[in-house]
């Protein structure tokens, strides 16, 4: 059994004929199934890159949303028009309004730009995910990631008529069957890598987690935080790491230096078979 990951949208591109933007979208193809994990920030980049890469989005078995930020949901409506009856697998909170809040700066909205009602009016079918859910024998959705929050960036989410700190109850990752174990595919890892790996190990039922793909949200991590991530990965058995999107160039270089031979940066156009 093999699973292929094709990075359709990322902050960087591996080829000059591919668009890049602050966003993420990965086409995940396995035995008898094909899913799009996140949809980038814009329909333009997603559709253009899919065409260049020969990625047919009209026969998807579904779209999986890692969380409700615009840079992971922006191309969703465009995919829905290409795939009648598109199944969307996401936590119900994915459509709440969200903002980035930094001291001294105005709130910047970073919500999913597509209301659920408009997607359903276009024919999409929403499948709420609020617990771990196997979509295939090679793909498991984590559901909400438990554990304590940490991190220095502040995001807020609507809560009635007010806003509260975003605990990312809507964040989920994919667990993919790999040769010799399982691989984690995460969108931004807002819940933290420690929580994510703990949840993955629980779902893997004693089998090893041999690879981690996706955004690790380390762009503003200081050296102490990065050293803690390296130690965490070593304790986890030093899985192969394929960072992209919000991991950050400096963090990626740090991981590669301290985990030699284990780190392979991803960008739009890269294919990995596990």
Protein backbone atom coordinates (compact mmCIF):
# COMPACT_ATOMS: atom_id res chain seq x y z
CA UNK A 1 0.00 0.00 0.00
CA UNK A 2 1.32 3.46 -0.89
CA UNK A 3 0.00 6.99 -0.46
CA UNK A 4 1.10 9.96 -2.57
CA UNK A 5 1.15 13.55 -1.38
CA UNK A 6 1.29 16.28 -4.01
CA UNK A 7 1.75 19.83 -2.73
CA UNK A 8 -0.54 21.94 -4.92
CA UNK A 9 -0.22 25.26 -3.05
CA UNK A 10 2.47 26.48 -0.66
CA UNK A 11 4.35 29.64 0.30
CA UNK A 12 7.11 28.60 -2.09
CA UNK A 13 7.14 26.76 -5.41
CA UNK A 14 9.58 24.21 -6.78
CA UNK A 15 9.07 25.38 -10.37
CA UNK A 16 8.81 28.72 -12.12
CA UNK A 17 5.48 27.81 -13.75
CA UNK A 18 3.75 27.34 -10.39
CA UNK A 19 2.14 30.08 -8.32
CA UNK A 20 3.04 30.48 -4.65
CA UNK A 21 1.11 32.25 -1.90
CA UNK A 22 0.74 32.19 1.86
CA UNK A 23 -1.42 29.09 1.92
CA UNK A 24 -1.45 25.32 1.80
CA UNK A 25 -3.16 22.65 -0.24
CA UNK A 26 -2.07 19.03 -0.58
CA UNK A 27 -3.61 16.37 -2.82
CA UNK A 28 -3.56 13.04 -1.00
CA UNK A 29 -4.03 9.94 -3.16
CA UNK A 30 -4.25 6.43 -1.81
CA UNK A 31 -5.77 3.07 -2.67
CA UNK A 32 -9.30 3.72 -3.92
CA UNK A 33 -9.43 7.31 -2.74
CA UNK A 34 -8.31 10.89 -3.42
CA UNK A 35 -8.73 13.81 -1.02
CA UNK A 36 -7.70 17.46 -1.08
CA UNK A 37 -6.27 18.54 2.28
CA UNK A 38 -6.93 22.28 2.52
CA UNK A 39 -7.49 24.55 -0.47
CA UNK A 40 -4.90 27.34 -0.32
CA UNK A 41 -5.66 31.02 0.07
CA UNK A 42 -7.06 31.76 -3.40
CA UNK A 43 -8.89 29.95 -6.15
CA UNK A 44 -6.49 31.44 -8.71
CA UNK A 45 -3.37 29.76 -7.29
CA UNK A 46 -5.15 26.48 -6.54
CA UNK A 47 -6.73 26.03 -9.96
CA UNK A 48 -3.70 27.26 -11.90
CA UNK A 49 -1.31 24.94 -10.07
CA UNK A 50 -3.70 21.99 -10.29
CA UNK A 51 -3.82 22.45 -14.06
CA UNK A 52 -0.03 22.68 -14.42
CA UNK A 53 0.46 19.62 -12.20
CA UNK A 54 -2.24 17.56 -13.91
CA UNK A 55 -4.22 17.28 -10.69
CA UNK A 56 -7.87 16.63 -11.53
CA UNK A 57 -10.08 18.18 -8.84
CA UNK A 58 -13.35 17.07 -10.42
CA UNK A 59 -13.25 13.51 -9.07
CA UNK A 60 -12.21 14.08 -5.46
CA UNK A 61 -13.62 11.86 -2.75
CA UNK A 62 -13.70 14.91 -0.54
CA UNK A 63 -11.99 17.99 0.85
CA UNK A 64 -10.51 17.90 4.35
CA UNK A 65 -10.11 21.24 6.14
CA UNK A 66 -7.41 21.41 8.81
CA UNK A 67 -8.91 24.55 10.39
CA UNK A 68 -10.85 27.67 9.54
CA UNK A 69 -8.22 30.20 8.41
CA UNK A 70 -8.45 31.79 4.97
CA UNK A 71 -5.05 30.48 3.83
CA UNK A 72 -6.39 26.92 4.10
CA UNK A 73 -9.95 27.50 2.88
CA UNK A 74 -9.74 30.23 0.22
CA UNK A 75 -10.09 27.92 -2.79
CA UNK A 76 -12.95 25.89 -1.33
CA UNK A 77 -15.80 27.39 -3.36
CA UNK A 78 -13.86 26.90 -6.60
CA UNK A 79 -13.38 23.20 -5.83
CA UNK A 80 -17.08 22.88 -5.01
CA UNK A 81 -17.98 24.13 -8.49
CA UNK A 82 -15.69 21.53 -10.07
CA UNK A 83 -16.96 18.59 -8.04
CA UNK A 84 -20.78 18.31 -7.79
CA UNK A 85 -21.82 17.06 -4.37
CA UNK A 86 -18.36 17.72 -2.93
CA UNK A 87 -18.01 16.17 0.56
CA UNK A 88 -16.35 18.58 3.01
CA UNK A 89 -14.88 17.06 6.18
CA UNK A 90 -14.37 19.69 8.87
CA UNK A 91 -15.20 20.61 12.43
CA UNK A 92 -18.41 22.69 12.70
CA UNK A 93 -16.41 25.60 14.15
CA UNK A 94 -14.41 25.95 10.94
CA UNK A 95 -16.83 28.62 9.67
CA UNK A 96 -16.61 30.91 12.71
CA UNK A 97 -15.15 34.39 12.16
CA UNK A 98 -11.53 34.69 13.24
CA UNK A 99 -8.92 37.43 13.60
CA UNK A 100 -5.20 37.75 14.14
CA UNK A 101 -4.51 40.04 17.08
CA UNK A 102 -1.11 41.46 17.87
CA UNK A 103 -0.43 44.14 20.48
CA UNK A 104 -0.56 47.63 19.02
CA UNK A 105 -2.10 46.47 15.74
CA UNK A 106 -5.64 46.39 14.41
CA UNK A 107 -7.39 43.03 14.34
CA UNK A 108 -6.93 41.40 10.93
CA UNK A 109 -9.69 39.05 9.81
CA UNK A 110 -8.43 35.63 8.75
CA UNK A 111 -11.72 33.70 8.53
CA UNK A 112 -12.80 31.19 5.93
CA UNK A 113 -14.20 33.49 3.19
CA UNK A 114 -17.02 31.09 2.22
CA UNK A 115 -20.17 30.80 4.38
CA UNK A 116 -21.35 27.25 4.90
CA UNK A 117 -24.78 28.08 3.49
CA UNK A 118 -23.33 29.31 0.19
CA UNK A 119 -21.21 26.16 -0.18
CA UNK A 120 -24.21 23.94 0.50
CA UNK A 121 -26.30 25.98 -1.94
CA UNK A 122 -23.64 25.18 -4.55
CA UNK A 123 -24.13 21.46 -3.82
CA UNK A 124 -21.36 20.76 -1.32
CA UNK A 125 -22.19 18.27 1.44
CA UNK A 126 -20.80 19.09 4.89
CA UNK A 127 -19.66 16.21 7.11
CA UNK A 128 -19.03 17.53 10.65
CA UNK A 129 -15.95 16.02 12.29
CA UNK A 130 -15.87 16.35 16.07
CA UNK A 131 -14.05 13.10 16.87
CA UNK A 132 -11.50 10.85 15.18
CA UNK A 133 -12.95 9.41 11.99
CA UNK A 134 -11.51 6.88 9.51
CA UNK A 135 -12.29 7.90 5.93
CA UNK A 136 -10.45 4.86 4.54
CA UNK A 137 -8.24 2.06 5.81
CA UNK A 138 -5.27 4.30 4.96
CA UNK A 139 -6.61 7.68 6.16
CA UNK A 140 -7.86 8.70 9.60
CA UNK A 141 -9.04 12.18 10.58
CA UNK A 142 -7.87 13.10 14.06
CA UNK A 143 -10.80 15.22 15.11
CA UNK A 144 -10.05 17.91 17.74
CA UNK A 145 -6.52 17.75 19.13
CA UNK A 146 -6.49 17.66 22.95
CA UNK A 147 -3.85 19.10 25.28
CA UNK A 148 -2.78 22.46 26.71
CA UNK A 149 -2.36 25.43 24.40
CA UNK A 150 0.91 27.29 24.10
CA UNK A 151 2.56 29.74 21.74
CA UNK A 152 3.24 33.43 21.53
CA UNK A 153 0.89 34.44 18.70
CA UNK A 154 -2.62 35.50 19.62
CA UNK A 155 -5.64 34.61 17.54
CA UNK A 156 -9.24 35.36 18.47
CA UNK A 157 -12.52 33.81 17.40
CA UNK A 158 -16.12 35.00 17.65
CA UNK A 159 -18.02 33.85 20.72
CA UNK A 160 -21.57 35.13 20.72
CA UNK A 161 -21.35 38.91 20.49
CA UNK A 162 -17.78 38.93 21.77
CA UNK A 163 -14.40 37.43 20.90
CA UNK A 164 -12.22 35.05 22.89
CA UNK A 165 -8.75 33.61 22.46
CA UNK A 166 -8.88 30.94 19.78
CA UNK A 167 -8.26 27.50 21.24
CA UNK A 168 -8.45 25.94 17.76
CA UNK A 169 -11.09 23.40 18.66
CA UNK A 170 -11.62 23.01 14.91
CA UNK A 171 -8.04 21.96 14.13
CA UNK A 172 -7.53 18.41 12.87
CA UNK A 173 -4.78 16.49 11.12
CA UNK A 174 -4.66 13.41 8.90
CA UNK A 175 -3.04 10.15 9.88
CA UNK A 176 -1.89 8.33 6.75
CA UNK A 177 -0.90 4.69 6.44
CA UNK A 178 2.78 4.49 5.50
CA UNK A 179 5.25 1.67 4.97
CA UNK A 180 6.18 0.61 8.48
CA UNK A 181 3.84 2.87 10.38
CA UNK A 182 1.82 6.07 10.03
CA UNK A 183 2.47 9.62 8.80
CA UNK A 184 0.97 12.85 10.13
CA UNK A 185 -0.25 15.56 7.74
CA UNK A 186 -0.97 18.84 9.52
CA UNK A 187 -2.09 22.21 8.21
CA UNK A 188 -0.60 24.70 10.68
CA UNK A 189 -0.14 22.73 13.90
CA UNK A 190 -1.73 25.56 15.92
CA UNK A 191 -2.42 23.07 18.69
CA UNK A 192 1.34 22.48 18.99
CA UNK A 193 3.54 19.65 17.79
CA UNK A 194 3.62 17.98 21.22
CA UNK A 195 -0.18 17.74 21.35
CA UNK A 196 -0.33 16.67 17.71
CA UNK A 197 2.19 13.86 18.11
CA UNK A 198 0.53 12.68 21.34
CA UNK A 199 -2.82 12.47 19.56
CA UNK A 200 -1.23 10.74 16.56
CA UNK A 201 0.45 8.14 18.78
CA UNK A 202 -2.85 7.46 20.50
CA UNK A 203 -4.63 6.95 17.19
CA UNK A 204 -1.79 4.82 15.80
CA UNK A 205 -2.44 2.24 18.50
CA UNK A 206 1.17 1.42 19.24
CA UNK A 207 2.43 1.54 15.64
CA UNK A 208 5.19 4.11 15.03
CA UNK A 209 4.68 7.57 13.56
CA UNK A 210 7.43 7.63 10.94
CA UNK A 211 6.85 10.99 9.21
CA UNK A 212 5.40 14.46 9.80
CA UNK A 213 4.26 16.61 6.86
CA UNK A 214 2.98 20.18 6.74
CA UNK A 215 3.07 23.51 8.49
CA UNK A 216 4.56 23.44 11.99
CA UNK A 217 3.94 27.10 12.91
CA UNK A 218 7.47 27.85 14.03
CA UNK A 219 8.07 31.15 12.19
CA UNK A 220 8.35 33.13 15.42
CA UNK A 221 9.85 30.41 17.59
CA UNK A 222 13.03 31.35 19.43
CA UNK A 223 16.04 29.06 19.78
CA UNK A 224 14.85 27.55 23.07
CA UNK A 225 11.52 26.65 21.48
CA UNK A 226 13.23 25.14 18.45
CA UNK A 227 15.54 23.08 20.66
CA UNK A 228 12.48 21.79 22.49
CA UNK A 229 10.94 20.76 19.15
CA UNK A 230 14.13 18.93 18.17
CA UNK A 231 14.16 17.08 21.49
CA UNK A 232 10.48 16.23 21.09
CA UNK A 233 11.13 14.74 17.66
CA UNK A 234 14.12 12.77 18.94
CA UNK A 235 12.01 11.34 21.75
CA UNK A 236 9.36 10.46 19.16
CA UNK A 237 11.88 8.28 17.32
CA UNK A 238 13.16 10.96 14.91
CA UNK A 239 10.41 10.67 12.28
CA UNK A 240 11.15 12.12 8.86
CA UNK A 241 10.02 15.77 8.77
CA UNK A 242 8.65 17.47 5.63
CA UNK A 243 8.06 21.10 6.67
CA UNK A 244 6.33 23.77 4.61
CA UNK A 245 3.91 26.73 4.79
CA UNK A 246 4.08 28.33 8.26
CA UNK A 247 7.15 26.47 9.54
CA UNK A 248 9.45 29.32 8.49
CA UNK A 249 12.82 29.28 6.75
CA UNK A 250 14.91 29.78 9.88
CA UNK A 251 13.10 27.04 11.76
CA UNK A 252 13.42 24.69 8.80
CA UNK A 253 17.18 25.31 8.65
CA UNK A 254 17.47 24.75 12.40
CA UNK A 255 15.60 21.45 12.21
CA UNK A 256 17.71 20.30 9.27
CA UNK A 257 20.94 21.16 11.13
CA UNK A 258 19.94 19.36 14.31
CA UNK A 259 18.16 16.41 12.70
CA UNK A 260 20.58 15.59 9.88
CA UNK A 261 19.13 13.51 7.09
CA UNK A 262 15.61 13.68 8.56
CA UNK A 263 14.32 16.99 7.18
CA UNK A 264 13.10 17.57 3.61
CA UNK A 265 11.44 20.95 2.93
CA UNK A 266 8.32 20.90 0.77
CA UNK A 267 7.02 23.43 -1.75
CA UNK A 268 4.35 23.57 -4.43
CA UNK A 269 4.95 20.89 -7.04
CA UNK A 270 6.72 18.43 -4.73
CA UNK A 271 5.48 14.83 -4.69
CA UNK A 272 6.22 12.38 -1.90
CA UNK A 273 5.20 8.72 -1.85
CA UNK A 274 4.95 7.04 1.53
